[in-house]
Amino acid sequence: MPRPSRWLPPKNEFYEKVRDRGGTPDAEKRLRKQVVKLAEMIEAIRALPVQHN
């Protein structure tokens, strides 16, 4: 298994630090909401009938 180019802490350690700081950062919450909205928009567009000219 190749080593990463820089050292990264284990995921559990990262999430423990996030919890210690008071939870998920606001910026991440906003991004997650935006991703959900975009996914819903994509599904709505895909549901539209295809027009052939």
N, C-alpha and C. Protein backbone atom coordinates (compact mmCIF):
# COMPACT_ATOMS: atom_id res chain seq x y z
N MET A 1 0.85 -1.17 0.00
CA MET A 1 0.00 0.00 0.00
C MET A 1 0.90 1.24 0.00
N PRO A 2 0.71 2.14 -0.97
CA PRO A 2 1.56 3.33 -1.03
C PRO A 2 1.26 4.28 0.12
N ARG A 3 2.28 4.95 0.58
CA ARG A 3 2.11 5.91 1.67
C ARG A 3 1.61 7.23 1.11
N PRO A 4 0.72 7.91 1.83
CA PRO A 4 0.28 9.22 1.37
C PRO A 4 1.45 10.21 1.37
N SER A 5 1.34 11.25 0.57
CA SER A 5 2.41 12.22 0.46
C SER A 5 2.60 13.02 1.75
N ARG A 6 1.55 13.10 2.55
CA ARG A 6 1.69 13.75 3.85
C ARG A 6 0.91 12.95 4.88
N TRP A 7 1.27 13.11 6.12
CA TRP A 7 0.62 12.34 7.18
C TRP A 7 -0.79 12.87 7.42
N LEU A 8 -1.75 11.98 7.53
CA LEU A 8 -3.12 12.35 7.83
C LEU A 8 -3.56 11.63 9.09
N PRO A 9 -4.24 12.34 10.00
CA PRO A 9 -4.71 11.67 11.21
C PRO A 9 -5.83 10.70 10.89
N PRO A 10 -6.00 9.67 11.69
CA PRO A 10 -7.11 8.73 11.46
C PRO A 10 -8.46 9.45 11.53
N LYS A 11 -9.44 8.92 10.82
CA LYS A 11 -10.76 9.56 10.76
C LYS A 11 -11.37 9.71 12.14
N ASN A 12 -11.24 8.69 12.97
CA ASN A 12 -11.85 8.77 14.30
C ASN A 12 -11.28 9.95 15.09
N GLU A 13 -9.97 10.14 14.97
CA GLU A 13 -9.33 11.25 15.66
C GLU A 13 -9.86 12.59 15.13
N PHE A 14 -10.02 12.68 13.83
CA PHE A 14 -10.52 13.91 13.21
C PHE A 14 -11.92 14.23 13.73
N TYR A 15 -12.83 13.25 13.69
CA TYR A 15 -14.20 13.50 14.12
C TYR A 15 -14.29 13.76 15.61
N GLU A 16 -13.40 13.19 16.39
CA GLU A 16 -13.35 13.48 17.82
C GLU A 16 -13.00 14.95 18.04
N LYS A 17 -12.06 15.47 17.26
CA LYS A 17 -11.69 16.88 17.37
C LYS A 17 -12.85 17.77 16.95
N VAL A 18 -13.57 17.36 15.92
CA VAL A 18 -14.73 18.14 15.46
C VAL A 18 -15.77 18.21 16.56
N ARG A 19 -16.04 17.08 17.21
CA ARG A 19 -17.02 17.07 18.31
C ARG A 19 -16.56 17.95 19.46
N ASP A 20 -15.26 17.93 19.76
CA ASP A 20 -14.72 18.75 20.84
C ASP A 20 -14.89 20.24 20.55
N ARG A 21 -14.85 20.61 19.27
CA ARG A 21 -15.00 22.02 18.89
C ARG A 21 -16.46 22.45 18.86
N GLY A 22 -17.38 21.54 18.99
CA GLY A 22 -18.79 21.91 19.04
C GLY A 22 -19.61 21.43 17.87
N GLY A 23 -19.16 20.44 17.17
CA GLY A 23 -19.96 19.86 16.10
C GLY A 23 -19.48 20.24 14.72
N THR A 24 -20.34 20.00 13.75
CA THR A 24 -20.02 20.24 12.35
C THR A 24 -19.95 21.74 12.07
N PRO A 25 -18.92 22.19 11.39
CA PRO A 25 -18.81 23.63 11.07
C PRO A 25 -19.99 24.10 10.20
N ASP A 26 -20.36 25.37 10.37
CA ASP A 26 -21.48 25.93 9.62
C ASP A 26 -21.26 25.85 8.11
N ALA A 27 -20.03 26.09 7.68
CA ALA A 27 -19.74 26.05 6.24
C ALA A 27 -20.03 24.65 5.68
N GLU A 28 -19.69 23.62 6.43
CA GLU A 28 -19.95 22.25 5.96
C GLU A 28 -21.45 21.98 5.91
N LYS A 29 -22.19 22.47 6.88
CA LYS A 29 -23.64 22.29 6.89
C LYS A 29 -24.27 22.95 5.67
N ARG A 30 -23.81 24.18 5.35
CA ARG A 30 -24.34 24.89 4.19
C ARG A 30 -24.01 24.14 2.90
N LEU A 31 -22.79 23.63 2.80
CA LEU A 31 -22.40 22.89 1.61
C LEU A 31 -23.24 21.63 1.44
N ARG A 32 -23.48 20.94 2.53
CA ARG A 32 -24.29 19.72 2.45
C ARG A 32 -25.71 20.03 1.99
N LYS A 33 -26.29 21.12 2.49
CA LYS A 33 -27.63 21.52 2.06
C LYS A 33 -27.64 21.84 0.57
N GLN A 34 -26.59 22.54 0.12
CA GLN A 34 -26.50 22.90 -1.30
C GLN A 34 -26.39 21.65 -2.17
N VAL A 35 -25.63 20.67 -1.72
CA VAL A 35 -25.49 19.41 -2.47
C VAL A 35 -26.84 18.73 -2.61
N VAL A 36 -27.62 18.71 -1.53
CA VAL A 36 -28.94 18.10 -1.58
C VAL A 36 -29.83 18.83 -2.58
N LYS A 37 -29.81 20.17 -2.55
CA LYS A 37 -30.63 20.95 -3.49
C LYS A 37 -30.23 20.67 -4.93
N LEU A 38 -28.93 20.62 -5.18
CA LEU A 38 -28.46 20.36 -6.54
C LEU A 38 -28.85 18.96 -7.00
N ALA A 39 -28.75 17.99 -6.12
CA ALA A 39 -29.14 16.63 -6.48
C ALA A 39 -30.63 16.57 -6.81
N GLU A 40 -31.46 17.30 -6.05
CA GLU A 40 -32.89 17.34 -6.33
C GLU A 40 -33.16 18.01 -7.68
N MET A 41 -32.41 19.07 -7.99
CA MET A 41 -32.59 19.74 -9.27
C MET A 41 -32.20 18.82 -10.42
N ILE A 42 -31.15 18.08 -10.27
CA ILE A 42 -30.72 17.15 -11.31
C ILE A 42 -31.79 16.09 -11.54
N GLU A 43 -32.35 15.55 -10.48
CA GLU A 43 -33.40 14.54 -10.62
C GLU A 43 -34.62 15.13 -11.31
N ALA A 44 -34.97 16.38 -10.99
CA ALA A 44 -36.12 17.02 -11.62
C ALA A 44 -35.87 17.22 -13.12
N ILE A 45 -34.66 17.60 -13.47
CA ILE A 45 -34.32 17.80 -14.89
C ILE A 45 -34.36 16.47 -15.63
N ARG A 46 -33.86 15.42 -15.00
CA ARG A 46 -33.87 14.10 -15.64
C ARG A 46 -35.28 13.57 -15.84
N ALA A 47 -36.22 14.01 -15.01
CA ALA A 47 -37.61 13.55 -15.11
C ALA A 47 -38.36 14.24 -16.23
N LEU A 48 -37.82 15.36 -16.75
CA LEU A 48 -38.49 16.07 -17.84
C LEU A 48 -38.47 15.22 -19.12
N PRO A 49 -39.51 15.35 -19.93
CA PRO A 49 -39.52 14.59 -21.18
C PRO A 49 -38.45 15.14 -22.13
N VAL A 50 -37.90 14.26 -22.93
CA VAL A 50 -36.87 14.63 -23.89
C VAL A 50 -37.54 15.13 -25.16
N GLN A 51 -37.09 16.29 -25.65
CA GLN A 51 -37.65 16.85 -26.87
C GLN A 51 -36.68 16.59 -28.04
N HIS A 52 -37.19 16.01 -29.10
CA HIS A 52 -36.39 15.75 -30.28
C HIS A 52 -36.86 16.71 -31.39
N ASN A 53 -35.94 17.41 -31.97
CA ASN A 53 -36.29 18.35 -33.06
C ASN A 53 -35.94 17.78 -34.39
